[in-house]
Amino acid sequence: MSTTELVVGAYIFVLAVFLGFVLITRVPTTLHTPLMSGTNAIHGIVLAGAILVAAAAKGTLGTAIAIAAVFLGTLNVVGGFVVTDRMLEMFRPKRDKQQ
């Protein structure tokens, strides 16, 4: 990988982090639950991309980074569904524990 490719990749990564931060901080609290459900689908696509990158990785460092990406992507998807389930639990009617 050339230095130019590394700089361009780092630049795109920093811009993506900044844009994500700005977008998330401007979402009203009442929209977090529906948006969390929608973004879980996007995280699934990210996970599929990480798996494709892992399959094409060359070298020890590339393989290690790809495996870390798959692991972190999996945590993100599972964690998103857990958080969404817990948030939706607040809107479900309470059941008697004696039944």
N, C-alpha and C. Protein backbone atom coordinates (compact mmCIF):
# COMPACT_ATOMS: atom_id res chain seq x y z
N MET A 1 0.85 -1.16 0.00
CA MET A 1 0.00 0.00 0.00
C MET A 1 0.90 1.23 0.00
N SER A 2 0.60 2.15 -0.87
CA SER A 2 1.43 3.36 -0.95
C SER A 2 1.01 4.37 0.11
N THR A 3 1.86 5.34 0.31
CA THR A 3 1.61 6.37 1.31
C THR A 3 0.39 7.20 0.93
N THR A 4 0.21 7.45 -0.35
CA THR A 4 -0.94 8.23 -0.80
C THR A 4 -2.24 7.52 -0.48
N GLU A 5 -2.30 6.22 -0.71
CA GLU A 5 -3.50 5.45 -0.39
C GLU A 5 -3.78 5.49 1.10
N LEU A 6 -2.75 5.40 1.91
CA LEU A 6 -2.92 5.43 3.36
C LEU A 6 -3.45 6.79 3.82
N VAL A 7 -2.92 7.85 3.26
CA VAL A 7 -3.37 9.20 3.63
C VAL A 7 -4.83 9.42 3.20
N VAL A 8 -5.17 9.00 2.00
CA VAL A 8 -6.55 9.14 1.52
C VAL A 8 -7.50 8.31 2.39
N GLY A 9 -7.10 7.09 2.72
CA GLY A 9 -7.93 6.25 3.58
C GLY A 9 -8.12 6.86 4.97
N ALA A 10 -7.06 7.41 5.55
CA ALA A 10 -7.16 8.06 6.86
C ALA A 10 -8.04 9.29 6.78
N TYR A 11 -7.93 10.05 5.70
CA TYR A 11 -8.75 11.24 5.50
C TYR A 11 -10.24 10.88 5.42
N ILE A 12 -10.57 9.85 4.67
CA ILE A 12 -11.96 9.40 4.55
C ILE A 12 -12.47 8.90 5.90
N PHE A 13 -11.63 8.19 6.64
CA PHE A 13 -12.04 7.68 7.94
C PHE A 13 -12.34 8.83 8.90
N VAL A 14 -11.48 9.84 8.95
CA VAL A 14 -11.70 10.98 9.85
C VAL A 14 -12.97 11.73 9.46
N LEU A 15 -13.20 11.91 8.17
CA LEU A 15 -14.43 12.58 7.73
C LEU A 15 -15.67 11.77 8.10
N ALA A 16 -15.61 10.45 7.97
CA ALA A 16 -16.74 9.61 8.33
C ALA A 16 -17.04 9.67 9.83
N VAL A 17 -15.99 9.67 10.64
CA VAL A 17 -16.18 9.78 12.09
C VAL A 17 -16.81 11.12 12.44
N PHE A 18 -16.31 12.19 11.86
CA PHE A 18 -16.85 13.52 12.13
C PHE A 18 -18.31 13.62 11.70
N LEU A 19 -18.62 13.16 10.49
CA LEU A 19 -19.98 13.22 9.99
C LEU A 19 -20.92 12.38 10.86
N GLY A 20 -20.50 11.19 11.24
CA GLY A 20 -21.31 10.35 12.10
C GLY A 20 -21.59 11.01 13.44
N PHE A 21 -20.59 11.63 14.02
CA PHE A 21 -20.76 12.31 15.30
C PHE A 21 -21.75 13.47 15.18
N VAL A 22 -21.60 14.26 14.14
CA VAL A 22 -22.49 15.41 13.94
C VAL A 22 -23.92 14.94 13.74
N LEU A 23 -24.12 13.91 12.93
CA LEU A 23 -25.48 13.43 12.67
C LEU A 23 -26.12 12.84 13.91
N ILE A 24 -25.40 12.05 14.67
CA ILE A 24 -25.97 11.41 15.85
C ILE A 24 -26.32 12.43 16.93
N THR A 25 -25.49 13.44 17.11
CA THR A 25 -25.77 14.42 18.16
C THR A 25 -26.96 15.31 17.82
N ARG A 26 -27.38 15.37 16.57
CA ARG A 26 -28.52 16.21 16.19
C ARG A 26 -29.84 15.46 16.12
N VAL A 27 -29.85 14.19 16.46
CA VAL A 27 -31.09 13.40 16.44
C VAL A 27 -31.83 13.61 17.76
N PRO A 28 -33.12 13.99 17.70
CA PRO A 28 -33.89 14.14 18.94
C PRO A 28 -34.03 12.81 19.69
N THR A 29 -34.16 12.89 20.99
CA THR A 29 -34.22 11.70 21.83
C THR A 29 -35.38 10.79 21.46
N THR A 30 -36.51 11.35 21.07
CA THR A 30 -37.69 10.54 20.74
C THR A 30 -37.50 9.68 19.49
N LEU A 31 -36.52 10.00 18.67
CA LEU A 31 -36.29 9.23 17.45
C LEU A 31 -35.22 8.15 17.60
N HIS A 32 -34.61 8.04 18.76
CA HIS A 32 -33.51 7.10 18.90
C HIS A 32 -33.94 5.64 18.71
N THR A 33 -35.10 5.25 19.25
CA THR A 33 -35.53 3.85 19.12
C THR A 33 -35.78 3.46 17.67
N PRO A 34 -36.58 4.22 16.90
CA PRO A 34 -36.77 3.81 15.50
C PRO A 34 -35.48 3.87 14.68
N LEU A 35 -34.65 4.84 14.96
CA LEU A 35 -33.40 4.94 14.21
C LEU A 35 -32.44 3.81 14.57
N MET A 36 -32.46 3.37 15.82
CA MET A 36 -31.61 2.26 16.24
C MET A 36 -32.00 1.00 15.47
N SER A 37 -33.29 0.78 15.29
CA SER A 37 -33.73 -0.40 14.53
C SER A 37 -33.28 -0.32 13.08
N GLY A 38 -33.38 0.86 12.50
CA GLY A 38 -32.96 1.02 11.12
C GLY A 38 -31.46 0.87 10.92
N THR A 39 -30.70 1.38 11.86
CA THR A 39 -29.25 1.30 11.71
C THR A 39 -28.72 -0.10 11.96
N ASN A 40 -29.49 -0.94 12.63
CA ASN A 40 -29.04 -2.33 12.79
C ASN A 40 -28.93 -3.02 11.44
N ALA A 41 -29.82 -2.69 10.52
CA ALA A 41 -29.73 -3.26 9.17
C ALA A 41 -28.46 -2.76 8.47
N ILE A 42 -28.13 -1.50 8.66
CA ILE A 42 -26.91 -0.96 8.06
C ILE A 42 -25.69 -1.63 8.67
N HIS A 43 -25.71 -1.87 9.96
CA HIS A 43 -24.59 -2.54 10.62
C HIS A 43 -24.42 -3.96 10.09
N GLY A 44 -25.53 -4.60 9.72
CA GLY A 44 -25.44 -5.91 9.11
C GLY A 44 -24.71 -5.86 7.78
N ILE A 45 -24.94 -4.81 7.02
CA ILE A 45 -24.25 -4.64 5.74
C ILE A 45 -22.76 -4.41 5.99
N VAL A 46 -22.45 -3.62 7.02
CA VAL A 46 -21.05 -3.37 7.39
C VAL A 46 -20.37 -4.69 7.77
N LEU A 47 -21.09 -5.52 8.51
CA LEU A 47 -20.54 -6.82 8.90
C LEU A 47 -20.29 -7.70 7.67
N ALA A 48 -21.21 -7.68 6.72
CA ALA A 48 -21.00 -8.45 5.50
C ALA A 48 -19.76 -7.94 4.73
N GLY A 49 -19.58 -6.63 4.70
CA GLY A 49 -18.39 -6.06 4.07
C GLY A 49 -17.12 -6.46 4.79
N ALA A 50 -17.16 -6.49 6.12
CA ALA A 50 -15.99 -6.90 6.90
C ALA A 50 -15.64 -8.36 6.62
N ILE A 51 -16.64 -9.19 6.44
CA ILE A 51 -16.39 -10.60 6.13
C ILE A 51 -15.75 -10.72 4.74
N LEU A 52 -16.22 -9.93 3.78
CA LEU A 52 -15.62 -9.95 2.44
C LEU A 52 -14.17 -9.48 2.48
N VAL A 53 -13.91 -8.44 3.26
CA VAL A 53 -12.54 -7.95 3.39
C VAL A 53 -11.66 -9.00 4.06
N ALA A 54 -12.21 -9.68 5.07
CA ALA A 54 -11.44 -10.73 5.76
C ALA A 54 -11.09 -11.86 4.79
N ALA A 55 -12.00 -12.18 3.90
CA ALA A 55 -11.74 -13.25 2.94
C ALA A 55 -10.64 -12.87 1.95
N ALA A 56 -10.51 -11.58 1.66
CA ALA A 56 -9.53 -11.12 0.68
C ALA A 56 -8.24 -10.61 1.33
N ALA A 57 -8.15 -10.68 2.65
CA ALA A 57 -6.99 -10.11 3.35
C ALA A 57 -5.73 -10.90 3.02
N LYS A 58 -4.65 -10.15 2.90
CA LYS A 58 -3.34 -10.76 2.64
C LYS A 58 -2.39 -10.31 3.72
N GLY A 59 -1.58 -11.22 4.18
CA GLY A 59 -0.60 -10.90 5.21
C GLY A 59 -1.17 -11.02 6.61
N THR A 60 -0.29 -11.12 7.57
CA THR A 60 -0.71 -11.30 8.96
C THR A 60 -1.42 -10.08 9.51
N LEU A 61 -0.88 -8.90 9.25
CA LEU A 61 -1.50 -7.67 9.76
C LEU A 61 -2.87 -7.46 9.14
N GLY A 62 -3.01 -7.65 7.84
CA GLY A 62 -4.30 -7.50 7.18
C GLY A 62 -5.33 -8.48 7.70
N THR A 63 -4.90 -9.71 7.92
CA THR A 63 -5.82 -10.72 8.46
C THR A 63 -6.24 -10.37 9.88
N ALA A 64 -5.31 -9.91 10.69
CA ALA A 64 -5.64 -9.54 12.08
C ALA A 64 -6.62 -8.37 12.12
N ILE A 65 -6.38 -7.37 11.28
CA ILE A 65 -7.29 -6.23 11.24
C ILE A 65 -8.67 -6.65 10.73
N ALA A 66 -8.70 -7.52 9.73
CA ALA A 66 -9.98 -7.99 9.18
C ALA A 66 -10.75 -8.81 10.21
N ILE A 67 -10.07 -9.66 10.95
CA ILE A 67 -10.74 -10.43 12.00
C ILE A 67 -11.27 -9.51 13.09
N ALA A 68 -10.50 -8.50 13.45
CA ALA A 68 -10.96 -7.52 14.44
C ALA A 68 -12.19 -6.78 13.92
N ALA A 69 -12.21 -6.45 12.62
CA ALA A 69 -13.37 -5.76 12.04
C ALA A 69 -14.62 -6.64 12.08
N VAL A 70 -14.46 -7.92 11.78
CA VAL A 70 -15.61 -8.84 11.85
C VAL A 70 -16.10 -8.96 13.29
N PHE A 71 -15.18 -9.08 14.23
CA PHE A 71 -15.56 -9.21 15.64
C PHE A 71 -16.28 -7.96 16.13
N LEU A 72 -15.72 -6.79 15.85
CA LEU A 72 -16.34 -5.54 16.30
C LEU A 72 -17.67 -5.29 15.58
N GLY A 73 -17.76 -5.65 14.31
CA GLY A 73 -19.02 -5.53 13.60
C GLY A 73 -20.10 -6.42 14.18
N THR A 74 -19.71 -7.64 14.56
CA THR A 74 -20.66 -8.55 15.19
C THR A 74 -21.13 -8.00 16.53
N LEU A 75 -20.22 -7.47 17.33
CA LEU A 75 -20.61 -6.86 18.61
C LEU A 75 -21.56 -5.70 18.38
N ASN A 76 -21.32 -4.91 17.35
CA ASN A 76 -22.16 -3.77 17.05
C ASN A 76 -23.58 -4.20 16.68
N VAL A 77 -23.70 -5.21 15.84
CA VAL A 77 -25.03 -5.69 15.43
C VAL A 77 -25.78 -6.28 16.62
N VAL A 78 -25.13 -7.17 17.34
CA VAL A 78 -25.78 -7.82 18.49
C VAL A 78 -26.14 -6.78 19.56
N GLY A 79 -25.20 -5.89 19.86
CA GLY A 79 -25.47 -4.86 20.86
C GLY A 79 -26.61 -3.95 20.44
N GLY A 80 -26.69 -3.62 19.16
CA GLY A 80 -27.78 -2.78 18.69
C GLY A 80 -29.13 -3.44 18.87
N PHE A 81 -29.21 -4.74 18.58
CA PHE A 81 -30.47 -5.44 18.78
C PHE A 81 -30.82 -5.57 20.26
N VAL A 82 -29.84 -5.76 21.11
CA VAL A 82 -30.10 -5.84 22.56
C VAL A 82 -30.62 -4.51 23.07
N VAL A 83 -29.98 -3.42 22.67
CA VAL A 83 -30.42 -2.09 23.11
C VAL A 83 -31.82 -1.79 22.58
N THR A 84 -32.08 -2.12 21.32
CA THR A 84 -33.41 -1.89 20.76
C THR A 84 -34.46 -2.68 21.50
N ASP A 85 -34.17 -3.93 21.82
CA ASP A 85 -35.11 -4.76 22.56
C ASP A 85 -35.39 -4.18 23.94
N ARG A 86 -34.36 -3.71 24.61
CA ARG A 86 -34.55 -3.11 25.93
C ARG A 86 -35.35 -1.82 25.85
N MET A 87 -35.12 -1.04 24.81
CA MET A 87 -35.89 0.20 24.66
C MET A 87 -37.35 -0.10 24.35
N LEU A 88 -37.61 -1.09 23.51
CA LEU A 88 -39.00 -1.44 23.18
C LEU A 88 -39.70 -2.09 24.36
N GLU A 89 -38.96 -2.71 25.26
CA GLU A 89 -39.55 -3.32 26.45
C GLU A 89 -40.25 -2.26 27.31
N MET A 90 -39.79 -1.04 27.27
CA MET A 90 -40.42 0.03 28.05
C MET A 90 -41.83 0.32 27.58
N PHE A 91 -42.15 0.01 26.33
CA PHE A 91 -43.46 0.33 25.78
C PHE A 91 -44.42 -0.86 25.82
N ARG A 92 -43.96 -2.01 26.26
CA ARG A 92 -44.84 -3.18 26.36
C ARG A 92 -45.62 -3.12 27.66
N PRO A 93 -46.87 -3.64 27.65
CA PRO A 93 -47.65 -3.62 28.90
C PRO A 93 -47.02 -4.57 29.93
N LYS A 94 -47.13 -4.18 31.18
CA LYS A 94 -46.60 -4.99 32.27
C LYS A 94 -47.52 -6.20 32.49
N ARG A 95 -46.91 -7.36 32.73
CA ARG A 95 -47.68 -8.58 33.00
C ARG A 95 -47.57 -8.92 34.48
N ASP A 96 -48.64 -9.53 35.01
CA ASP A 96 -48.60 -9.98 36.40
C ASP A 96 -47.61 -11.13 36.53
N LYS A 97 -46.82 -11.10 37.57
CA LYS A 97 -45.85 -12.17 37.79
C LYS A 97 -46.50 -13.40 38.43
N GLN A 98 -47.74 -13.29 38.91
CA GLN A 98 -48.41 -14.40 39.57
C GLN A 98 -49.04 -15.37 38.59
N GLN A 99 -49.18 -15.03 37.34
CA GLN A 99 -49.86 -15.91 36.37
C GLN A 99 -49.03 -17.09 36.02
